[in-house]
Amino acid sequence: MSRTSIDHVAHAPPTDSANKNKELKDVGKAPSHSRLRAFRAIAAILAVSGVAFGLFTAVFGIASEAQEIHAFHNVVVVALLLVLSAPPAIAAARAPDRAAGPLFHLIALSVVGVVTMVLGLKADIFTLPFIVLVGVLLMLQGPRWRTALAAGRLSPSLTVLVAVAALPLVVYALEQAELQRIDISSEHAEFNHWVETSFYAVAVLLLGLVAALRPAANRLTAWCAGLGLAILGGASLALGHYASALDGPWAWAALLGGLVFISVAEWERLRGPSSGD
């Protein structure tokens, strides 16, 4: 072989296989200890903030007579904080080296937050800091969050349940976003209740889809999505005459659908190999 040929081989660009192996190696590489400490601290801030604001909203909503008109919306906000947001933040803070699933959950919530604020033409001052901090978590974790999709298999049964819920939840979310756009006088608009309810509905749907993609790796997300939907239905039944409450049949469908989703997710986990949260 001539020297020219040898030089050509030596300087040949990496193959697709080599690039793929490098990408997998980068994904599997653990962040530094300093990054993990920073990740834990920020995740803990998200967790503490979610729990604190959730409990404050619950207590204030019950104690203040002025909040009586906002009873249903307060339930939605409390569930958004305590059921959908705080659990993955707590899980991420507890084990930052195994936080791919919880971080994927938080990323999904952030995406929904951006989309629903755009649809409602309203910047929610409580959602924006959450999105920024999740973005920082994503930078600290690097590409490892993608391992949440690396193992396991899609669940056809959970996917069907998500598909069934998609249309009514999207329609409901769009209606709430429209109210945020056109309502310029009520306290519901002033307190961002319409956009937060829209956020909640789409978040339940997207988290359900995340759980359906990899049920074994996203058990926490499945529970959050199922409980979130069941709470939406239960609150609508208990507070049916309040703004944003679902009509009776849809409320029952949401309540029962959320419980069915959790049951199917647990059945999927038990019958398949577990990959952990």
Protein backbone atom coordinates (compact mmCIF):
# COMPACT_ATOMS: atom_id res chain seq x y z
CA MET A 1 0.00 0.00 0.00
CA SER A 2 1.38 3.44 -0.91
CA ARG A 3 1.97 6.20 1.65
CA THR A 4 -0.79 8.24 -0.01
CA SER A 5 -3.26 5.41 0.58
CA ILE A 6 -2.17 5.07 4.20
CA ASP A 7 -2.61 8.81 4.76
CA HIS A 8 -6.05 8.63 3.14
CA VAL A 9 -7.11 5.82 5.52
CA ALA A 10 -5.68 7.63 8.52
CA HIS A 11 -7.58 10.82 7.73
CA ALA A 12 -10.80 9.17 6.58
CA PRO A 13 -13.88 10.67 8.23
CA PRO A 14 -15.53 8.56 10.95
CA THR A 15 -18.19 6.17 9.77
CA ASP A 16 -21.82 6.32 10.81
CA SER A 17 -21.15 3.35 13.09
CA ALA A 18 -18.29 5.18 14.78
CA ASN A 19 -20.43 8.29 15.24
CA LYS A 20 -23.22 6.18 16.71
CA ASN A 21 -20.84 4.50 19.15
CA LYS A 22 -19.49 7.89 20.22
CA GLU A 23 -23.01 9.21 20.73
CA LEU A 24 -23.94 6.23 22.88
CA LYS A 25 -20.74 6.65 24.88
CA ASP A 26 -21.54 10.34 25.46
CA VAL A 27 -25.09 9.50 26.56
CA GLY A 28 -23.81 6.92 29.02
CA LYS A 29 -21.13 9.21 30.47
CA ALA A 30 -22.03 10.37 33.96
CA PRO A 31 -21.94 14.11 34.75
CA SER A 32 -19.19 15.38 37.07
CA HIS A 33 -19.72 15.49 40.84
CA SER A 34 -20.05 19.27 40.77
CA ARG A 35 -22.73 19.05 38.09
CA LEU A 36 -24.60 16.40 40.08
CA ARG A 37 -24.48 18.59 43.21
CA ALA A 38 -25.80 21.57 41.26
CA PHE A 39 -28.47 19.35 39.68
CA ARG A 40 -29.57 18.09 43.11
CA ALA A 41 -29.76 21.63 44.50
CA ILE A 42 -31.89 22.98 41.64
CA ALA A 43 -34.16 19.91 41.63
CA ALA A 44 -34.59 20.38 45.39
CA ILE A 45 -35.57 24.03 44.84
CA LEU A 46 -38.20 22.91 42.34
CA ALA A 47 -39.47 20.23 44.72
CA VAL A 48 -39.66 22.49 47.78
CA SER A 49 -41.26 25.31 45.77
CA GLY A 50 -43.85 22.96 44.29
CA VAL A 51 -44.80 21.49 47.66
CA ALA A 52 -44.79 24.86 49.44
CA PHE A 53 -46.87 26.70 46.85
CA GLY A 54 -49.19 23.71 46.51
CA LEU A 55 -49.89 23.55 50.24
CA PHE A 56 -50.22 27.34 50.46
CA THR A 57 -52.76 27.35 47.63
CA ALA A 58 -54.73 24.55 49.28
CA VAL A 59 -54.81 26.21 52.72
CA PHE A 60 -55.45 29.71 51.35
CA GLY A 61 -58.18 28.42 49.06
CA ILE A 62 -59.99 26.81 51.99
CA ALA A 63 -59.44 29.56 54.55
CA SER A 64 -60.22 32.60 52.42
CA GLU A 65 -63.86 33.32 51.61
CA ALA A 66 -62.72 35.40 48.63
CA GLN A 67 -61.23 32.24 47.09
CA GLU A 68 -64.52 30.35 47.18
CA ILE A 69 -65.29 31.33 43.59
CA HIS A 70 -61.96 29.85 42.53
CA ALA A 71 -62.48 26.48 44.24
CA PHE A 72 -62.14 24.34 41.11
CA HIS A 73 -59.20 26.29 39.74
CA ASN A 74 -57.45 26.04 43.09
CA VAL A 75 -57.80 22.27 43.01
CA VAL A 76 -56.26 22.27 39.53
CA VAL A 77 -53.33 24.45 40.67
CA VAL A 78 -52.74 22.31 43.77
CA ALA A 79 -52.77 19.13 41.67
CA LEU A 80 -50.50 20.73 39.07
CA LEU A 81 -47.96 21.49 41.79
CA LEU A 82 -48.29 18.53 44.17
CA VAL A 83 -49.21 15.73 41.74
CA LEU A 84 -47.68 16.60 38.37
CA SER A 85 -44.64 18.74 39.25
CA ALA A 86 -43.28 18.03 42.73
CA PRO A 87 -42.92 14.20 42.54
CA PRO A 88 -40.46 14.14 39.60
CA ALA A 89 -38.51 17.02 41.13
CA ILE A 90 -38.24 15.10 44.41
CA ALA A 91 -37.14 11.96 42.55
CA ALA A 92 -34.52 13.93 40.62
CA ALA A 93 -33.17 15.55 43.79
CA ARG A 94 -32.96 12.20 45.60
CA ALA A 95 -30.99 10.45 42.85
CA PRO A 96 -29.46 12.92 40.37
CA ASP A 97 -27.35 10.15 38.85
CA ARG A 98 -30.52 8.22 37.97
CA ALA A 99 -32.75 11.14 37.05
CA ALA A 100 -33.33 10.47 33.35
CA GLY A 101 -37.00 9.53 33.80
CA PRO A 102 -37.91 12.36 36.21
CA LEU A 103 -36.06 14.88 34.05
CA PHE A 104 -37.89 13.69 30.93
CA HIS A 105 -41.12 14.19 32.90
CA LEU A 106 -40.09 17.75 33.83
CA ILE A 107 -39.09 18.51 30.24
CA ALA A 108 -42.53 17.40 29.06
CA LEU A 109 -44.16 19.74 31.58
CA SER A 110 -41.97 22.62 30.42
CA VAL A 111 -42.89 22.05 26.79
CA VAL A 112 -46.58 22.05 27.70
CA GLY A 113 -46.10 25.23 29.72
CA VAL A 114 -44.62 27.05 26.75
CA VAL A 115 -47.27 25.79 24.31
CA THR A 116 -50.24 26.69 26.51
CA MET A 117 -48.86 30.15 27.33
CA VAL A 118 -48.55 30.78 23.60
CA LEU A 119 -52.08 29.50 22.98
CA GLY A 120 -53.46 31.66 25.81
CA LEU A 121 -51.30 34.66 24.84
CA LYS A 122 -50.39 34.91 28.51
CA ALA A 123 -47.01 34.66 30.23
CA ASP A 124 -47.58 32.94 33.57
CA ILE A 125 -45.09 34.35 36.10
CA PHE A 126 -45.19 31.10 38.07
CA THR A 127 -44.60 28.84 35.07
CA LEU A 128 -41.69 30.81 33.55
CA PRO A 129 -39.22 30.23 36.44
CA PHE A 130 -40.10 26.53 36.37
CA ILE A 131 -39.26 26.34 32.67
CA VAL A 132 -35.96 28.17 33.17
CA LEU A 133 -34.87 25.90 36.02
CA VAL A 134 -35.79 22.77 34.08
CA GLY A 135 -33.66 24.10 31.24
CA VAL A 136 -30.73 24.43 33.64
CA LEU A 137 -31.30 20.85 34.83
CA LEU A 138 -31.24 19.70 31.22
CA MET A 139 -27.89 21.42 30.62
CA LEU A 140 -26.41 19.95 33.79
CA GLN A 141 -27.56 16.44 32.98
CA GLY A 142 -26.43 16.54 29.36
CA PRO A 143 -27.64 13.86 26.92
CA ARG A 144 -28.20 11.26 29.65
CA TRP A 145 -31.89 12.23 29.90
CA ARG A 146 -32.39 10.42 26.59
CA THR A 147 -31.81 7.11 28.35
CA ALA A 148 -35.42 7.44 29.53
CA LEU A 149 -36.34 6.33 26.01
CA ALA A 150 -33.46 3.93 25.47
CA ALA A 151 -34.82 0.82 27.17
CA GLY A 152 -38.18 -0.90 27.20
CA ARG A 153 -41.01 -0.97 24.71
CA LEU A 154 -44.12 0.99 23.85
CA SER A 155 -47.34 -0.11 25.55
CA PRO A 156 -50.15 -0.55 23.00
CA SER A 157 -52.81 -0.59 25.72
CA LEU A 158 -51.64 2.65 27.35
CA THR A 159 -51.25 4.24 23.93
CA VAL A 160 -54.88 3.41 23.12
CA LEU A 161 -56.01 4.99 26.40
CA VAL A 162 -54.01 8.14 25.61
CA ALA A 163 -55.50 8.27 22.11
CA VAL A 164 -59.02 7.99 23.52
CA ALA A 165 -58.38 10.85 25.95
CA ALA A 166 -56.57 13.04 23.42
CA LEU A 167 -59.49 14.71 21.63
CA PRO A 168 -61.61 15.69 24.66
CA LEU A 169 -58.57 16.91 26.61
CA VAL A 170 -57.22 18.94 23.68
CA VAL A 171 -60.65 20.49 23.04
CA TYR A 172 -60.98 21.32 26.74
CA ALA A 173 -57.48 22.82 26.82
CA LEU A 174 -58.14 24.95 23.74
CA GLU A 175 -61.36 26.23 25.26
CA GLN A 176 -59.53 27.26 28.43
CA ALA A 177 -56.78 28.93 26.41
CA GLU A 178 -59.39 30.85 24.42
CA LEU A 179 -60.97 32.09 27.64
CA GLN A 180 -57.56 33.37 28.73
CA ARG A 181 -57.27 35.29 25.44
CA ILE A 182 -60.71 36.88 25.43
CA ASP A 183 -61.37 37.38 29.15
CA ILE A 184 -60.02 40.79 30.11
CA SER A 185 -62.00 41.51 33.26
CA SER A 186 -62.57 38.50 35.53
CA GLU A 187 -60.44 37.39 38.45
CA HIS A 188 -59.96 34.04 36.70
CA ALA A 189 -58.06 35.79 33.93
CA GLU A 190 -56.20 38.04 36.39
CA PHE A 191 -54.95 35.02 38.33
CA ASN A 192 -54.05 33.09 35.12
CA HIS A 193 -56.54 30.37 36.00
CA TRP A 194 -57.64 29.73 32.42
CA VAL A 195 -54.11 29.20 31.10
CA GLU A 196 -53.16 27.10 34.12
CA THR A 197 -56.18 24.84 33.55
CA SER A 198 -55.21 24.53 29.89
CA PHE A 199 -51.67 23.70 31.01
CA TYR A 200 -52.99 21.03 33.36
CA ALA A 201 -55.13 19.28 30.74
CA VAL A 202 -52.38 19.09 28.13
CA ALA A 203 -49.82 18.08 30.77
CA VAL A 204 -51.94 15.10 31.82
CA LEU A 205 -52.21 14.05 28.19
CA LEU A 206 -48.50 14.40 27.37
CA LEU A 207 -47.40 12.68 30.56
CA GLY A 208 -49.72 9.82 29.68
CA LEU A 209 -47.99 9.56 26.32
CA VAL A 210 -44.54 9.60 27.97
CA ALA A 211 -45.65 6.77 30.25
CA ALA A 212 -47.04 4.82 27.30
CA LEU A 213 -43.75 5.07 25.41
CA ARG A 214 -41.74 3.32 28.13
CA PRO A 215 -44.04 2.17 30.97
CA ALA A 216 -41.34 0.20 32.80
CA ALA A 217 -39.00 3.20 32.97
CA ASN A 218 -41.68 5.83 33.68
CA ARG A 219 -43.82 4.38 36.45
CA LEU A 220 -43.85 7.66 38.38
CA THR A 221 -45.03 9.53 35.28
CA ALA A 222 -47.82 7.00 34.74
CA TRP A 223 -49.07 7.51 38.28
CA CYS A 224 -48.89 11.30 37.96
CA ALA A 225 -50.83 11.25 34.69
CA GLY A 226 -53.49 8.84 35.98
CA LEU A 227 -53.96 10.67 39.28
CA GLY A 228 -53.99 14.00 37.48
CA LEU A 229 -56.82 12.88 35.19
CA ALA A 230 -58.74 11.29 38.07
CA ILE A 231 -58.44 14.49 40.13
CA LEU A 232 -59.75 16.54 37.20
CA GLY A 233 -62.79 14.27 37.05
CA GLY A 234 -63.31 14.04 40.79
CA ALA A 235 -63.03 17.79 41.30
CA SER A 236 -65.52 18.35 38.46
CA LEU A 237 -68.01 16.04 40.14
CA ALA A 238 -67.58 17.69 43.54
CA LEU A 239 -67.44 21.26 42.21
CA GLY A 240 -69.56 20.95 39.08
CA HIS A 241 -71.05 24.46 39.23
CA TYR A 242 -67.67 26.20 39.25
CA ALA A 243 -65.83 27.67 36.25
CA SER A 244 -63.85 25.15 34.14
CA ALA A 245 -65.46 22.06 35.73
CA LEU A 246 -66.16 19.23 33.30
CA ASP A 247 -69.74 18.25 32.55
CA GLY A 248 -71.02 15.21 34.45
CA PRO A 249 -70.38 12.45 31.86
CA TRP A 250 -66.93 13.80 31.02
CA ALA A 251 -66.11 14.12 34.70
CA TRP A 252 -66.95 10.46 35.30
CA ALA A 253 -64.96 9.50 32.23
CA ALA A 254 -61.93 11.40 33.52
CA LEU A 255 -62.20 9.94 37.02
CA LEU A 256 -62.58 6.35 35.84
CA GLY A 257 -60.14 6.81 32.96
CA GLY A 258 -57.40 7.99 35.30
CA LEU A 259 -57.86 4.99 37.57
CA VAL A 260 -57.90 2.62 34.60
CA PHE A 261 -54.69 4.19 33.27
CA ILE A 262 -52.87 3.57 36.56
CA SER A 263 -54.17 0.00 36.72
CA VAL A 264 -53.05 -0.79 33.18
CA ALA A 265 -49.64 0.84 33.79
CA GLU A 266 -49.11 -1.35 36.85
CA TRP A 267 -50.22 -4.43 34.93
CA GLU A 268 -47.72 -3.56 32.18
CA ARG A 269 -44.96 -3.16 34.75
CA LEU A 270 -45.67 -6.47 36.45
CA ARG A 271 -45.84 -8.50 33.26
CA GLY A 272 -42.67 -7.04 31.72
CA PRO A 273 -39.04 -6.67 32.81
CA SER A 274 -38.54 -3.71 35.11
CA SER A 275 -35.98 -1.09 34.24
CA GLY A 276 -36.56 1.08 37.27
CA ASP A 277 -37.64 4.70 37.50
